[in-house]
Amino acid sequence: MRKILVINGAYRAGGITDQAVETTIGVLQSAGAEVEQVLLREYPIGFCLNCRECTQQPGESPGRCVQHDGMQALVDKIDHADGYVLAVPTNFGSATAIFKRLMERLIVYAYWPWGMKAPS
């Protein structure tokens, strides 16, 4: 059975994004997938500190963040999923701030030692 992780970056419960996600979850489940949804509005993820400590660790595994919030649990969910649905409305021409916060914190998947011009 495929495990699908749905990450919902909408602020408003019951809004259009939530409705679209619920429909998508129903379709995935009817196709036999195991689906887990993460509502970022209820998930404790702090702002990236841009310390790059997590990017200093080589290897296939994601780095460890210095913050002790919900991000490590979310990284574990990401690592164990077979597929992903990322849902986010556009507010004022851009993704929501909570979704951007997640995207910045996904830097744990990069290896970027000091002195290297860009991550790998």
C-alpha atoms as a PDB file:
ATOM      1  CA  MET A   1       0.000   0.000   0.000  1.00  0.00           C
ATOM      2  CA  ARG A   2       1.338   3.427  -0.955  1.00  0.00           C
ATOM      3  CA  LYS A   3       1.721   6.021   1.794  1.00  0.00           C
ATOM      4  CA  ILE A   4       0.828   9.539   0.691  1.00  0.00           C
ATOM      5  CA  LEU A   5       1.601  12.576   2.833  1.00  0.00           C
ATOM      6  CA  VAL A   6      -0.646  15.573   2.235  1.00  0.00           C
ATOM      7  CA  ILE A   7       0.751  18.886   3.499  1.00  0.00           C
ATOM      8  CA  ASN A   8      -1.890  21.593   3.669  1.00  0.00           C
ATOM      9  CA  GLY A   9      -0.584  25.162   3.953  1.00  0.00           C
ATOM     10  CA  ALA A  10      -3.963  26.938   4.135  1.00  0.00           C
ATOM     11  CA  TYR A  11      -4.802  29.251   7.021  1.00  0.00           C
ATOM     12  CA  ARG A  12      -8.577  28.927   6.905  1.00  0.00           C
ATOM     13  CA  ALA A  13     -10.237  25.724   8.057  1.00  0.00           C
ATOM     14  CA  GLY A  14     -13.007  24.640   5.695  1.00  0.00           C
ATOM     15  CA  GLY A  15     -11.869  26.943   2.886  1.00  0.00           C
ATOM     16  CA  ILE A  16     -11.380  26.125  -0.775  1.00  0.00           C
ATOM     17  CA  THR A  17      -7.946  24.552  -0.228  1.00  0.00           C
ATOM     18  CA  ASP A  18      -9.270  22.329   2.564  1.00  0.00           C
ATOM     19  CA  GLN A  19     -12.165  21.289   0.340  1.00  0.00           C
ATOM     20  CA  ALA A  20      -9.845  20.442  -2.547  1.00  0.00           C
ATOM     21  CA  VAL A  21      -7.570  18.486  -0.199  1.00  0.00           C
ATOM     22  CA  GLU A  22     -10.489  16.486   1.220  1.00  0.00           C
ATOM     23  CA  THR A  23     -11.593  15.557  -2.311  1.00  0.00           C
ATOM     24  CA  THR A  24      -8.039  14.553  -3.207  1.00  0.00           C
ATOM     25  CA  ILE A  25      -7.702  12.450  -0.059  1.00  0.00           C
ATOM     26  CA  GLY A  26     -10.949  10.661  -0.892  1.00  0.00           C
ATOM     27  CA  VAL A  27      -9.722   9.822  -4.389  1.00  0.00           C
ATOM     28  CA  LEU A  28      -6.364   8.591  -3.093  1.00  0.00           C
ATOM     29  CA  GLN A  29      -7.992   6.436  -0.425  1.00  0.00           C
ATOM     30  CA  SER A  30     -10.436   4.950  -2.920  1.00  0.00           C
ATOM     31  CA  ALA A  31      -7.419   3.986  -5.035  1.00  0.00           C
ATOM     32  CA  GLY A  32      -6.011   2.094  -2.051  1.00  0.00           C
ATOM     33  CA  ALA A  33      -3.501   4.604  -0.703  1.00  0.00           C
ATOM     34  CA  GLU A  34      -2.851   5.208   2.967  1.00  0.00           C
ATOM     35  CA  VAL A  35      -3.114   8.990   3.408  1.00  0.00           C
ATOM     36  CA  GLU A  36      -1.943  11.233   6.218  1.00  0.00           C
ATOM     37  CA  GLN A  37      -2.657  14.959   6.243  1.00  0.00           C
ATOM     38  CA  VAL A  38      -0.581  17.588   8.024  1.00  0.00           C
ATOM     39  CA  LEU A  39      -2.282  20.928   8.614  1.00  0.00           C
ATOM     40  CA  LEU A  40       0.551  23.432   8.833  1.00  0.00           C
ATOM     41  CA  ARG A  41      -1.742  25.897  10.623  1.00  0.00           C
ATOM     42  CA  GLU A  42      -1.772  23.452  13.559  1.00  0.00           C
ATOM     43  CA  TYR A  43       1.822  22.255  13.270  1.00  0.00           C
ATOM     44  CA  PRO A  44       4.601  23.741  15.432  1.00  0.00           C
ATOM     45  CA  ILE A  45       7.291  24.761  12.944  1.00  0.00           C
ATOM     46  CA  GLY A  46       9.442  27.762  13.816  1.00  0.00           C
ATOM     47  CA  PHE A  47      11.171  30.107  11.423  1.00  0.00           C
ATOM     48  CA  CYS A  48      14.487  28.973   9.938  1.00  0.00           C
ATOM     49  CA  LEU A  49      17.362  30.605  11.807  1.00  0.00           C
ATOM     50  CA  ASN A  50      19.611  30.419   8.713  1.00  0.00           C
ATOM     51  CA  CYS A  51      22.410  29.025  10.877  1.00  0.00           C
ATOM     52  CA  ARG A  52      22.967  26.229   8.309  1.00  0.00           C
ATOM     53  CA  GLU A  53      23.927  23.806  11.058  1.00  0.00           C
ATOM     54  CA  CYS A  54      21.650  21.196   9.460  1.00  0.00           C
ATOM     55  CA  THR A  55      23.442  21.526   6.116  1.00  0.00           C
ATOM     56  CA  GLN A  56      26.868  20.676   7.512  1.00  0.00           C
ATOM     57  CA  GLN A  57      26.112  16.948   7.806  1.00  0.00           C
ATOM     58  CA  PRO A  58      27.060  14.875   4.710  1.00  0.00           C
ATOM     59  CA  GLY A  59      25.239  11.737   3.663  1.00  0.00           C
ATOM     60  CA  GLU A  60      21.872  10.605   2.393  1.00  0.00           C
ATOM     61  CA  SER A  61      19.937  11.401   5.574  1.00  0.00           C
ATOM     62  CA  PRO A  62      18.556  14.881   6.207  1.00  0.00           C
ATOM     63  CA  GLY A  63      20.492  17.047   8.619  1.00  0.00           C
ATOM     64  CA  ARG A  64      19.356  17.791  12.143  1.00  0.00           C
ATOM     65  CA  CYS A  65      18.008  21.237  12.939  1.00  0.00           C
ATOM     66  CA  VAL A  66      19.102  23.015  16.113  1.00  0.00           C
ATOM     67  CA  GLN A  67      15.495  23.939  16.850  1.00  0.00           C
ATOM     68  CA  HIS A  68      13.390  21.511  18.846  1.00  0.00           C
ATOM     69  CA  ASP A  69       9.950  21.951  17.346  1.00  0.00           C
ATOM     70  CA  GLY A  70       7.719  19.825  15.134  1.00  0.00           C
ATOM     71  CA  MET A  71       9.980  19.894  12.071  1.00  0.00           C
ATOM     72  CA  GLN A  72      11.888  16.704  12.862  1.00  0.00           C
ATOM     73  CA  ALA A  73       8.622  14.779  13.188  1.00  0.00           C
ATOM     74  CA  LEU A  74       7.530  16.198   9.836  1.00  0.00           C
ATOM     75  CA  VAL A  75      10.855  15.255   8.215  1.00  0.00           C
ATOM     76  CA  ASP A  76      10.317  11.706   9.507  1.00  0.00           C
ATOM     77  CA  LYS A  77       6.853  11.674   7.889  1.00  0.00           C
ATOM     78  CA  ILE A  78       8.330  12.964   4.614  1.00  0.00           C
ATOM     79  CA  ASP A  79      11.012  10.272   4.657  1.00  0.00           C
ATOM     80  CA  HIS A  80       8.473   7.471   5.178  1.00  0.00           C
ATOM     81  CA  ALA A  81       6.010   8.600   2.495  1.00  0.00           C
ATOM     82  CA  ASP A  82       5.923   7.224  -1.031  1.00  0.00           C
ATOM     83  CA  GLY A  83       4.292  10.333  -2.465  1.00  0.00           C
ATOM     84  CA  TYR A  84       3.238  13.850  -1.558  1.00  0.00           C
ATOM     85  CA  VAL A  85       0.461  16.324  -2.139  1.00  0.00           C
ATOM     86  CA  LEU A  86       1.416  19.923  -1.381  1.00  0.00           C
ATOM     87  CA  ALA A  87      -1.598  22.201  -1.153  1.00  0.00           C
ATOM     88  CA  VAL A  88      -1.386  25.920  -0.556  1.00  0.00           C
ATOM     89  CA  PRO A  89      -3.524  28.864  -1.593  1.00  0.00           C
ATOM     90  CA  THR A  90      -1.989  31.994  -3.037  1.00  0.00           C
ATOM     91  CA  ASN A  91      -2.476  35.045  -0.873  1.00  0.00           C
ATOM     92  CA  PHE A  92      -1.507  38.391  -2.364  1.00  0.00           C
ATOM     93  CA  GLY A  93       0.255  36.640  -5.250  1.00  0.00           C
ATOM     94  CA  SER A  94       2.336  34.219  -3.186  1.00  0.00           C
ATOM     95  CA  ALA A  95       2.146  31.090  -1.042  1.00  0.00           C
ATOM     96  CA  THR A  96       1.130  31.490   2.589  1.00  0.00           C
ATOM     97  CA  ALA A  97       3.795  32.380   5.139  1.00  0.00           C
ATOM     98  CA  ILE A  98       3.367  29.075   6.985  1.00  0.00           C
ATOM     99  CA  PHE A  99       4.049  27.183   3.749  1.00  0.00           C
ATOM    100  CA  LYS A 100       7.124  29.323   3.050  1.00  0.00           C
ATOM    101  CA  ARG A 101       8.308  28.552   6.582  1.00  0.00           C
ATOM    102  CA  LEU A 102       8.108  24.831   5.762  1.00  0.00           C
ATOM    103  CA  MET A 103       9.930  25.311   2.462  1.00  0.00           C
ATOM    104  CA  GLU A 104      12.793  27.164   4.160  1.00  0.00           C
ATOM    105  CA  ARG A 105      13.108  24.473   6.807  1.00  0.00           C
ATOM    106  CA  LEU A 106      13.407  21.772   4.124  1.00  0.00           C
ATOM    107  CA  ILE A 107      17.017  22.940   3.740  1.00  0.00           C
ATOM    108  CA  VAL A 108      17.758  19.974   6.053  1.00  0.00           C
ATOM    109  CA  TYR A 109      17.852  17.932   2.823  1.00  0.00           C
ATOM    110  CA  ALA A 110      20.845  19.875   1.465  1.00  0.00           C
ATOM    111  CA  TYR A 111      24.541  19.410   2.080  1.00  0.00           C
ATOM    112  CA  TRP A 112      26.111  22.869   2.127  1.00  0.00           C
ATOM    113  CA  PRO A 113      29.351  23.008   4.076  1.00  0.00           C
ATOM    114  CA  TRP A 114      30.908  26.356   4.796  1.00  0.00           C
ATOM    115  CA  GLY A 115      33.076  27.467   1.887  1.00  0.00           C
ATOM    116  CA  MET A 116      30.883  25.784  -0.724  1.00  0.00           C
ATOM    117  CA  LYS A 117      29.154  28.327  -2.994  1.00  0.00           C
ATOM    118  CA  ALA A 118      25.856  26.426  -3.264  1.00  0.00           C
ATOM    119  CA  PRO A 119      24.194  23.398  -1.683  1.00  0.00           C
ATOM    120  CA  SER A 120      24.313  19.950  -3.201  1.00  0.00           C
END
